[in-house]
Amino acid sequence: MAQAIELAHDLAERIDRHREEGESREEFVRELLDVYKTEGRFVREGYSE
């Protein structure tokens, strides 16, 4: 089930500046989370699954 996340306009613009051509915001966020998980940041900060 999909859930909507409301973003501030300036944050949405920041995300858009970093997305690759044709990449959706959802794809960008998914990749960002994968990088954080791979680098272990969630584990160190207490956000592990």
N, C-alpha and C. Protein backbone atom coordinates (compact mmCIF):
# COMPACT_ATOMS: atom_id res chain seq x y z
N MET A 1 0.84 -1.17 0.00
CA MET A 1 0.00 0.00 0.00
C MET A 1 0.90 1.25 0.00
N ALA A 2 0.70 2.12 -0.93
CA ALA A 2 1.48 3.35 -1.03
C ALA A 2 0.99 4.38 -0.03
N GLN A 3 1.92 5.14 0.51
CA GLN A 3 1.59 6.23 1.43
C GLN A 3 2.19 7.51 0.88
N ALA A 4 1.47 8.59 1.04
CA ALA A 4 1.95 9.89 0.57
C ALA A 4 2.79 10.54 1.67
N ILE A 5 3.86 11.17 1.26
CA ILE A 5 4.70 11.93 2.17
C ILE A 5 4.73 13.36 1.66
N GLU A 6 4.38 14.29 2.51
CA GLU A 6 4.36 15.70 2.13
C GLU A 6 5.75 16.29 2.37
N LEU A 7 6.30 16.93 1.34
CA LEU A 7 7.62 17.54 1.43
C LEU A 7 7.50 19.05 1.34
N ALA A 8 8.33 19.74 2.07
CA ALA A 8 8.41 21.19 1.92
C ALA A 8 8.90 21.48 0.51
N HIS A 9 8.47 22.58 -0.04
CA HIS A 9 8.82 22.94 -1.42
C HIS A 9 10.34 22.99 -1.61
N ASP A 10 11.07 23.57 -0.67
CA ASP A 10 12.52 23.68 -0.83
C ASP A 10 13.20 22.31 -0.77
N LEU A 11 12.68 21.39 0.03
CA LEU A 11 13.25 20.05 0.07
C LEU A 11 12.99 19.30 -1.24
N ALA A 12 11.79 19.43 -1.76
CA ALA A 12 11.46 18.80 -3.05
C ALA A 12 12.38 19.33 -4.15
N GLU A 13 12.67 20.62 -4.13
CA GLU A 13 13.58 21.19 -5.12
C GLU A 13 15.00 20.64 -4.95
N ARG A 14 15.44 20.47 -3.72
CA ARG A 14 16.77 19.89 -3.48
C ARG A 14 16.84 18.47 -4.03
N ILE A 15 15.81 17.69 -3.77
CA ILE A 15 15.78 16.33 -4.29
C ILE A 15 15.81 16.35 -5.81
N ASP A 16 15.02 17.22 -6.40
CA ASP A 16 14.96 17.30 -7.87
C ASP A 16 16.31 17.67 -8.48
N ARG A 17 17.08 18.49 -7.80
CA ARG A 17 18.40 18.88 -8.33
C ARG A 17 19.38 17.72 -8.35
N HIS A 18 19.15 16.72 -7.49
CA HIS A 18 20.08 15.59 -7.39
C HIS A 18 19.62 14.36 -8.15
N ARG A 19 18.38 14.35 -8.61
CA ARG A 19 17.88 13.18 -9.33
C ARG A 19 18.50 13.09 -10.71
N GLU A 20 18.70 11.86 -11.17
CA GLU A 20 19.16 11.65 -12.54
C GLU A 20 17.98 11.83 -13.48
N GLU A 21 18.27 12.11 -14.73
CA GLU A 21 17.21 12.30 -15.72
C GLU A 21 16.31 11.06 -15.78
N GLY A 22 15.01 11.27 -15.66
CA GLY A 22 14.05 10.19 -15.72
C GLY A 22 13.83 9.47 -14.40
N GLU A 23 14.58 9.82 -13.37
CA GLU A 23 14.45 9.18 -12.06
C GLU A 23 13.34 9.86 -11.26
N SER A 24 12.45 9.08 -10.68
CA SER A 24 11.37 9.65 -9.87
C SER A 24 11.90 9.99 -8.47
N ARG A 25 11.14 10.79 -7.77
CA ARG A 25 11.51 11.09 -6.37
C ARG A 25 11.53 9.82 -5.54
N GLU A 26 10.57 8.94 -5.79
CA GLU A 26 10.53 7.67 -5.05
C GLU A 26 11.80 6.86 -5.28
N GLU A 27 12.22 6.76 -6.54
CA GLU A 27 13.45 6.03 -6.85
C GLU A 27 14.66 6.66 -6.18
N PHE A 28 14.70 8.00 -6.18
CA PHE A 28 15.81 8.71 -5.55
C PHE A 28 15.87 8.41 -4.05
N VAL A 29 14.73 8.50 -3.38
CA VAL A 29 14.68 8.25 -1.93
C VAL A 29 15.04 6.80 -1.62
N ARG A 30 14.55 5.88 -2.43
CA ARG A 30 14.88 4.45 -2.24
C ARG A 30 16.40 4.24 -2.34
N GLU A 31 17.03 4.84 -3.34
CA GLU A 31 18.48 4.71 -3.51
C GLU A 31 19.22 5.37 -2.35
N LEU A 32 18.76 6.51 -1.90
CA LEU A 32 19.36 7.20 -0.77
C LEU A 32 19.32 6.32 0.48
N LEU A 33 18.18 5.69 0.74
CA LEU A 33 18.05 4.80 1.89
C LEU A 33 18.96 3.59 1.76
N ASP A 34 19.10 3.06 0.55
CA ASP A 34 20.00 1.92 0.33
C ASP A 34 21.45 2.31 0.65
N VAL A 35 21.85 3.50 0.24
CA VAL A 35 23.22 3.97 0.52
C VAL A 35 23.42 4.10 2.02
N TYR A 36 22.48 4.71 2.72
CA TYR A 36 22.60 4.86 4.17
C TYR A 36 22.66 3.51 4.86
N LYS A 37 21.84 2.57 4.41
CA LYS A 37 21.83 1.24 5.02
C LYS A 37 23.16 0.54 4.77
N THR A 38 23.68 0.63 3.55
CA THR A 38 24.94 0.00 3.19
C THR A 38 26.11 0.56 3.99
N GLU A 39 26.10 1.87 4.21
CA GLU A 39 27.18 2.50 4.96
C GLU A 39 27.04 2.31 6.46
N GLY A 40 25.92 1.73 6.90
CA GLY A 40 25.74 1.45 8.32
C GLY A 40 25.29 2.62 9.15
N ARG A 41 24.90 3.71 8.54
CA ARG A 41 24.51 4.88 9.32
C ARG A 41 23.26 4.63 10.16
N PHE A 42 22.30 3.87 9.64
CA PHE A 42 21.09 3.61 10.41
C PHE A 42 21.43 2.78 11.65
N VAL A 43 22.36 1.84 11.51
CA VAL A 43 22.73 1.01 12.64
C VAL A 43 23.41 1.85 13.71
N ARG A 44 24.32 2.72 13.34
CA ARG A 44 25.03 3.56 14.31
C ARG A 44 24.10 4.56 14.98
N GLU A 45 23.09 5.02 14.26
CA GLU A 45 22.20 6.03 14.81
C GLU A 45 20.96 5.44 15.47
N GLY A 46 20.89 4.12 15.56
CA GLY A 46 19.78 3.48 16.24
C GLY A 46 18.53 3.30 15.40
N TYR A 47 18.67 3.33 14.07
CA TYR A 47 17.52 3.17 13.19
C TYR A 47 17.52 1.85 12.45
N SER A 48 18.22 0.85 12.96
CA SER A 48 18.28 -0.41 12.24
C SER A 48 16.92 -1.11 12.26
N GLU A 49 16.73 -1.97 11.27
CA GLU A 49 15.46 -2.69 11.17
C GLU A 49 15.42 -3.84 12.15
